[in-house]
PDB file of N, CA and C in Angstrom:
ATOM      1  N   UNK A   1      23.582  18.635 -22.439  1.00  0.00           N
ATOM      2  CA  UNK A   1      22.654  17.374 -22.219  1.00  0.00           C
ATOM      3  C   UNK A   1      22.056  17.126 -22.924  1.00  0.00           C
ATOM      4  N   UNK A   2      21.598  16.519 -24.108  1.00  0.00           N
ATOM      5  CA  UNK A   2      20.975  16.323 -24.562  1.00  0.00           C
ATOM      6  C   UNK A   2      19.466  15.608 -25.200  1.00  0.00           C
ATOM      7  N   UNK A   3      18.519  16.414 -25.577  1.00  0.00           N
ATOM      8  CA  UNK A   3      17.321  16.589 -24.882  1.00  0.00           C
ATOM      9  C   UNK A   3      16.791  14.480 -25.487  1.00  0.00           C
ATOM     10  N   UNK A   4      17.509  13.220 -25.971  1.00  0.00           N
ATOM     11  CA  UNK A   4      17.887  12.324 -25.705  1.00  0.00           C
ATOM     12  C   UNK A   4      18.282  11.951 -24.645  1.00  0.00           C
ATOM     13  N   UNK A   5      19.479  12.288 -23.822  1.00  0.00           N
ATOM     14  CA  UNK A   5      19.680  11.789 -22.730  1.00  0.00           C
ATOM     15  C   UNK A   5      18.237  12.621 -21.552  1.00  0.00           C
ATOM     16  N   UNK A   6      18.118  13.339 -21.678  1.00  0.00           N
ATOM     17  CA  UNK A   6      16.910  14.344 -21.281  1.00  0.00           C
ATOM     18  C   UNK A   6      15.999  13.235 -21.114  1.00  0.00           C
ATOM     19  N   UNK A   7      15.760  13.189 -22.070  1.00  0.00           N
ATOM     20  CA  UNK A   7      14.627  11.956 -22.775  1.00  0.00           C
ATOM     21  C   UNK A   7      14.050  10.756 -21.536  1.00  0.00           C
ATOM     22  N   UNK A   8      15.501  10.123 -21.420  1.00  0.00           N
ATOM     23  CA  UNK A   8      16.129   8.916 -20.675  1.00  0.00           C
ATOM     24  C   UNK A   8      15.534   8.514 -19.129  1.00  0.00           C
ATOM     25  N   UNK A   9      16.351  10.192 -18.802  1.00  0.00           N
ATOM     26  CA  UNK A   9      16.872  10.390 -17.582  1.00  0.00           C
ATOM     27  C   UNK A   9      15.112  11.036 -16.674  1.00  0.00           C
ATOM     28  N   UNK A  10      14.554  11.121 -17.755  1.00  0.00           N
ATOM     29  CA  UNK A  10      12.727  11.239 -17.184  1.00  0.00           C
ATOM     30  C   UNK A  10      12.137   9.982 -17.055  1.00  0.00           C
ATOM     31  N   UNK A  11      11.937   9.466 -17.812  1.00  0.00           N
ATOM     32  CA  UNK A  11      11.955   7.807 -18.502  1.00  0.00           C
ATOM     33  C   UNK A  11      12.411   7.183 -16.622  1.00  0.00           C
ATOM     34  N   UNK A  12      13.828   7.421 -16.593  1.00  0.00           N
ATOM     35  CA  UNK A  12      13.896   6.335 -15.052  1.00  0.00           C
ATOM     36  C   UNK A  12      13.504   6.814 -14.169  1.00  0.00           C
ATOM     37  N   UNK A  13      13.757   7.860 -13.953  1.00  0.00           N
ATOM     38  CA  UNK A  13      13.031   9.022 -12.654  1.00  0.00           C
ATOM     39  C   UNK A  13      12.044   8.351 -12.434  1.00  0.00           C
ATOM     40  N   UNK A  14      11.173   8.234 -12.898  1.00  0.00           N
ATOM     41  CA  UNK A  14       9.466   7.971 -13.181  1.00  0.00           C
ATOM     42  C   UNK A  14       9.597   6.716 -13.150  1.00  0.00           C
ATOM     43  N   UNK A  15      10.519   5.423 -13.534  1.00  0.00           N
ATOM     44  CA  UNK A  15       9.769   4.187 -13.098  1.00  0.00           C
ATOM     45  C   UNK A  15      10.657   3.940 -11.798  1.00  0.00           C
ATOM     46  N   UNK A  16      11.099   4.813 -11.558  1.00  0.00           N
ATOM     47  CA  UNK A  16      12.200   4.564  -9.590  1.00  0.00           C
ATOM     48  C   UNK A  16      11.291   4.990  -8.858  1.00  0.00           C
ATOM     49  N   UNK A  17      10.245   6.227  -9.622  1.00  0.00           N
ATOM     50  CA  UNK A  17       9.279   6.598  -8.157  1.00  0.00           C
ATOM     51  C   UNK A  17       8.137   5.919  -8.625  1.00  0.00           C
ATOM     52  N   UNK A  18       7.673   5.238  -9.608  1.00  0.00           N
ATOM     53  CA  UNK A  18       7.023   4.840  -9.307  1.00  0.00           C
ATOM     54  C   UNK A  18       7.112   2.814  -8.714  1.00  0.00           C
ATOM     55  N   UNK A  19       8.299   3.087  -8.319  1.00  0.00           N
ATOM     56  CA  UNK A  19       8.535   1.775  -8.200  1.00  0.00           C
ATOM     57  C   UNK A  19       8.728   1.650  -6.586  1.00  0.00           C
ATOM     58  N   UNK A  20       9.083   3.562  -6.167  1.00  0.00           N
ATOM     59  CA  UNK A  20       8.971   3.045  -4.728  1.00  0.00           C
ATOM     60  C   UNK A  20       7.895   3.360  -4.776  1.00  0.00           C
ATOM     61  N   UNK A  21       6.428   4.443  -4.279  1.00  0.00           N
ATOM     62  CA  UNK A  21       5.973   4.547  -4.515  1.00  0.00           C
ATOM     63  C   UNK A  21       4.904   3.095  -4.578  1.00  0.00           C
ATOM     64  N   UNK A  22       5.160   1.866  -4.900  1.00  0.00           N
ATOM     65  CA  UNK A  22       4.013   0.302  -5.182  1.00  0.00           C
ATOM     66  C   UNK A  22       4.815  -0.349  -3.940  1.00  0.00           C
ATOM     67  N   UNK A  23       6.116  -0.094  -4.059  1.00  0.00           N
ATOM     68  CA  UNK A  23       7.030  -0.914  -3.042  1.00  0.00           C
ATOM     69  C   UNK A  23       6.469  -0.083  -1.472  1.00  0.00           C
ATOM     70  N   UNK A  24       6.624   0.203  -1.029  1.00  0.00           N
ATOM     71  CA  UNK A  24       6.644   1.294  -0.075  1.00  0.00           C
ATOM     72  C   UNK A  24       4.502   1.321   0.269  1.00  0.00           C
ATOM     73  N   UNK A  25       3.762   0.589  -0.709  1.00  0.00           N
ATOM     74  CA  UNK A  25       2.485   0.423  -0.395  1.00  0.00           C
ATOM     75  C   UNK A  25       2.345  -1.075  -0.717  1.00  0.00           C
ATOM     76  N   UNK A  26       2.915  -1.626  -0.444  1.00  0.00           N
ATOM     77  CA  UNK A  26       3.110  -3.371  -0.197  1.00  0.00           C
ATOM     78  C   UNK A  26       4.065  -3.670   1.021  1.00  0.00           C
ATOM     79  N   UNK A  27       4.870  -2.746   1.013  1.00  0.00           N
ATOM     80  CA  UNK A  27       5.364  -3.205   1.958  1.00  0.00           C
ATOM     81  C   UNK A  27       4.579  -2.765   3.867  1.00  0.00           C
ATOM     82  N   UNK A  28       2.661  -1.805   2.952  1.00  0.00           N
ATOM     83  CA  UNK A  28       2.410  -1.436   4.485  1.00  0.00           C
ATOM     84  C   UNK A  28       1.331  -2.686   4.340  1.00  0.00           C
ATOM     85  N   UNK A  29       1.162  -2.859   3.433  1.00  0.00           N
ATOM     86  CA  UNK A  29      -0.156  -3.649   3.329  1.00  0.00           C
ATOM     87  C   UNK A  29       0.824  -5.322   3.916  1.00  0.00           C
ATOM     88  N   UNK A  30       1.708  -5.455   3.729  1.00  0.00           N
ATOM     89  CA  UNK A  30       2.369  -7.008   4.390  1.00  0.00           C
ATOM     90  C   UNK A  30       2.237  -6.468   6.076  1.00  0.00           C
ATOM     91  N   UNK A  31       2.633  -4.644   6.359  1.00  0.00           N
ATOM     92  CA  UNK A  31       3.022  -5.051   8.269  1.00  0.00           C
ATOM     93  C   UNK A  31       1.608  -4.643   8.804  1.00  0.00           C
ATOM     94  N   UNK A  32       0.561  -4.380   8.127  1.00  0.00           N
ATOM     95  CA  UNK A  32      -1.229  -4.085   8.802  1.00  0.00           C
ATOM     96  C   UNK A  32      -1.464  -5.494   8.192  1.00  0.00           C
ATOM     97  N   UNK A  33      -1.217  -6.827   7.607  1.00  0.00           N
ATOM     98  CA  UNK A  33      -1.486  -7.957   7.049  1.00  0.00           C
ATOM     99  C   UNK A  33      -0.736  -8.848   8.713  1.00  0.00           C
ATOM    100  N   UNK A  34       0.262  -8.226   8.822  1.00  0.00           N
ATOM    101  CA  UNK A  34       0.541  -9.270  10.070  1.00  0.00           C
ATOM    102  C   UNK A  34       0.789  -8.458  11.145  1.00  0.00           C
ATOM    103  N   UNK A  35      -0.219  -8.344  11.570  1.00  0.00           N
ATOM    104  CA  UNK A  35      -0.340  -7.000  12.888  1.00  0.00           C
ATOM    105  C   UNK A  35      -1.336  -8.312  13.752  1.00  0.00           C
ATOM    106  N   UNK A  36      -1.238  -8.593  14.764  1.00  0.00           N
ATOM    107  CA  UNK A  36      -2.422  -9.779  15.652  1.00  0.00           C
ATOM    108  C   UNK A  36      -3.480  -9.744  15.627  1.00  0.00           C
ATOM    109  N   UNK A  37      -3.694 -11.051  15.531  1.00  0.00           N
ATOM    110  CA  UNK A  37      -5.736 -10.931  15.345  1.00  0.00           C
ATOM    111  C   UNK A  37      -6.230 -10.707  16.641  1.00  0.00           C
ATOM    112  N   UNK A  38      -6.081  -9.873  18.034  1.00  0.00           N
ATOM    113  CA  UNK A  38      -6.623  -9.442  19.254  1.00  0.00           C
ATOM    114  C   UNK A  38      -6.163  -7.597  18.639  1.00  0.00           C
ATOM    115  N   UNK A  39      -5.620  -7.352  17.648  1.00  0.00           N
ATOM    116  CA  UNK A  39      -5.460  -5.465  17.505  1.00  0.00           C
ATOM    117  C   UNK A  39      -6.599  -5.307  16.474  1.00  0.00           C
ATOM    118  N   UNK A  40      -8.190  -5.378  16.403  1.00  0.00           N
ATOM    119  CA  UNK A  40      -9.255  -6.034  16.274  1.00  0.00           C
ATOM    120  C   UNK A  40      -9.588  -4.146  16.781  1.00  0.00           C
ATOM    121  N   UNK A  41     -10.096  -3.228  15.516  1.00  0.00           N
ATOM    122  CA  UNK A  41     -10.157  -1.697  16.038  1.00  0.00           C
ATOM    123  C   UNK A  41     -12.051  -2.092  16.153  1.00  0.00           C
ATOM    124  N   UNK A  42     -11.821  -1.575  17.344  1.00  0.00           N
ATOM    125  CA  UNK A  42     -13.733  -1.085  18.057  1.00  0.00           C
ATOM    126  C   UNK A  42     -14.028   0.133  18.525  1.00  0.00           C
ATOM    127  N   UNK A  43     -14.927   1.202  18.337  1.00  0.00           N
ATOM    128  CA  UNK A  43     -15.070   2.184  18.497  1.00  0.00           C
ATOM    129  C   UNK A  43     -16.478   2.214  18.738  1.00  0.00           C
ATOM    130  N   UNK A  44     -16.687   2.429  19.804  1.00  0.00           N
ATOM    131  CA  UNK A  44     -17.745   1.655  20.320  1.00  0.00           C
ATOM    132  C   UNK A  44     -19.200   0.959  20.252  1.00  0.00           C
ATOM    133  N   UNK A  45     -20.129   1.066  19.285  1.00  0.00           N
ATOM    134  CA  UNK A  45     -20.631  -0.336  18.862  1.00  0.00           C
ATOM    135  C   UNK A  45     -20.009  -0.828  17.339  1.00  0.00           C
ATOM    136  N   UNK A  46     -18.706   0.200  16.839  1.00  0.00           N
ATOM    137  CA  UNK A  46     -18.231  -0.373  15.505  1.00  0.00           C
ATOM    138  C   UNK A  46     -17.321  -1.161  15.656  1.00  0.00           C
ATOM    139  N   UNK A  47     -17.322  -2.577  15.011  1.00  0.00           N
ATOM    140  CA  UNK A  47     -15.774  -3.516  15.754  1.00  0.00           C
ATOM    141  C   UNK A  47     -15.700  -3.490  13.355  1.00  0.00           C
ATOM    142  N   UNK A  48     -14.941  -3.799  13.221  1.00  0.00           N
ATOM    143  CA  UNK A  48     -14.166  -3.287  11.661  1.00  0.00           C
ATOM    144  C   UNK A  48     -13.418  -5.124  11.702  1.00  0.00           C
ATOM    145  N   UNK A  49     -13.490  -5.844  11.646  1.00  0.00           N
ATOM    146  CA  UNK A  49     -12.892  -7.475  11.933  1.00  0.00           C
ATOM    147  C   UNK A  49     -11.473  -6.882  10.859  1.00  0.00           C
ATOM    148  N   UNK A  50     -11.033  -7.199  11.063  1.00  0.00           N
ATOM    149  CA  UNK A  50      -9.659  -7.787   9.932  1.00  0.00           C
ATOM    150  C   UNK A  50      -9.457  -9.703   9.180  1.00  0.00           C
ATOM    151  N   UNK A  51     -10.238 -10.099   9.422  1.00  0.00           N
ATOM    152  CA  UNK A  51     -10.431 -11.588   8.214  1.00  0.00           C
ATOM    153  C   UNK A  51     -11.812 -11.952   8.248  1.00  0.00           C
ATOM    154  N   UNK A  52     -12.881 -11.038   6.667  1.00  0.00           N
ATOM    155  CA  UNK A  52     -14.176 -11.023   6.726  1.00  0.00           C
ATOM    156  C   UNK A  52     -14.816 -11.971   5.809  1.00  0.00           C
ATOM    157  N   UNK A  53     -15.392 -12.286   5.429  1.00  0.00           N
ATOM    158  CA  UNK A  53     -16.020 -11.999   3.760  1.00  0.00           C
ATOM    159  C   UNK A  53     -16.687 -11.013   3.477  1.00  0.00           C
ATOM    160  N   UNK A  54     -17.241 -10.582   2.400  1.00  0.00           N
ATOM    161  CA  UNK A  54     -17.799  -9.403   1.971  1.00  0.00           C
ATOM    162  C   UNK A  54     -19.388  -9.461   3.192  1.00  0.00           C
ATOM    163  N   UNK A  55     -19.910 -10.595   2.749  1.00  0.00           N
ATOM    164  CA  UNK A  55     -20.967 -10.685   3.260  1.00  0.00           C
ATOM    165  C   UNK A  55     -21.080  -9.943   4.894  1.00  0.00           C
ATOM    166  N   UNK A  56     -20.146 -10.943   5.436  1.00  0.00           N
ATOM    167  CA  UNK A  56     -19.939 -10.370   7.170  1.00  0.00           C
ATOM    168  C   UNK A  56     -19.725  -8.871   7.074  1.00  0.00           C
ATOM    169  N   UNK A  57     -20.172  -7.771   5.936  1.00  0.00           N
ATOM    170  CA  UNK A  57     -19.468  -6.587   6.814  1.00  0.00           C
ATOM    171  C   UNK A  57     -21.150  -5.956   6.226  1.00  0.00           C
ATOM    172  N   UNK A  58     -22.034  -7.190   5.898  1.00  0.00           N
ATOM    173  CA  UNK A  58     -23.301  -5.989   5.727  1.00  0.00           C
ATOM    174  C   UNK A  58     -23.704  -5.599   6.656  1.00  0.00           C
TER     175      UNK A  58
END
C-alpha cells in the first residue's frame, strides 16, 4: 500500500468516525426531545423543566 493510499484511507476512516459520532449525538438528542412531557426529572426540591426559557432557569 502506498503512502497516498494510506493517507486517503485514513481521511476516509476519520470522516466516517466523525459522521458516526455526530449521528449518534443527533439520535440521542432526538430521543430525549421525544420523551413525554410528564417525564420531568425532579429530585427533592430541584425540578428541571424540559421546556423552559433561560430566564426561567434562574
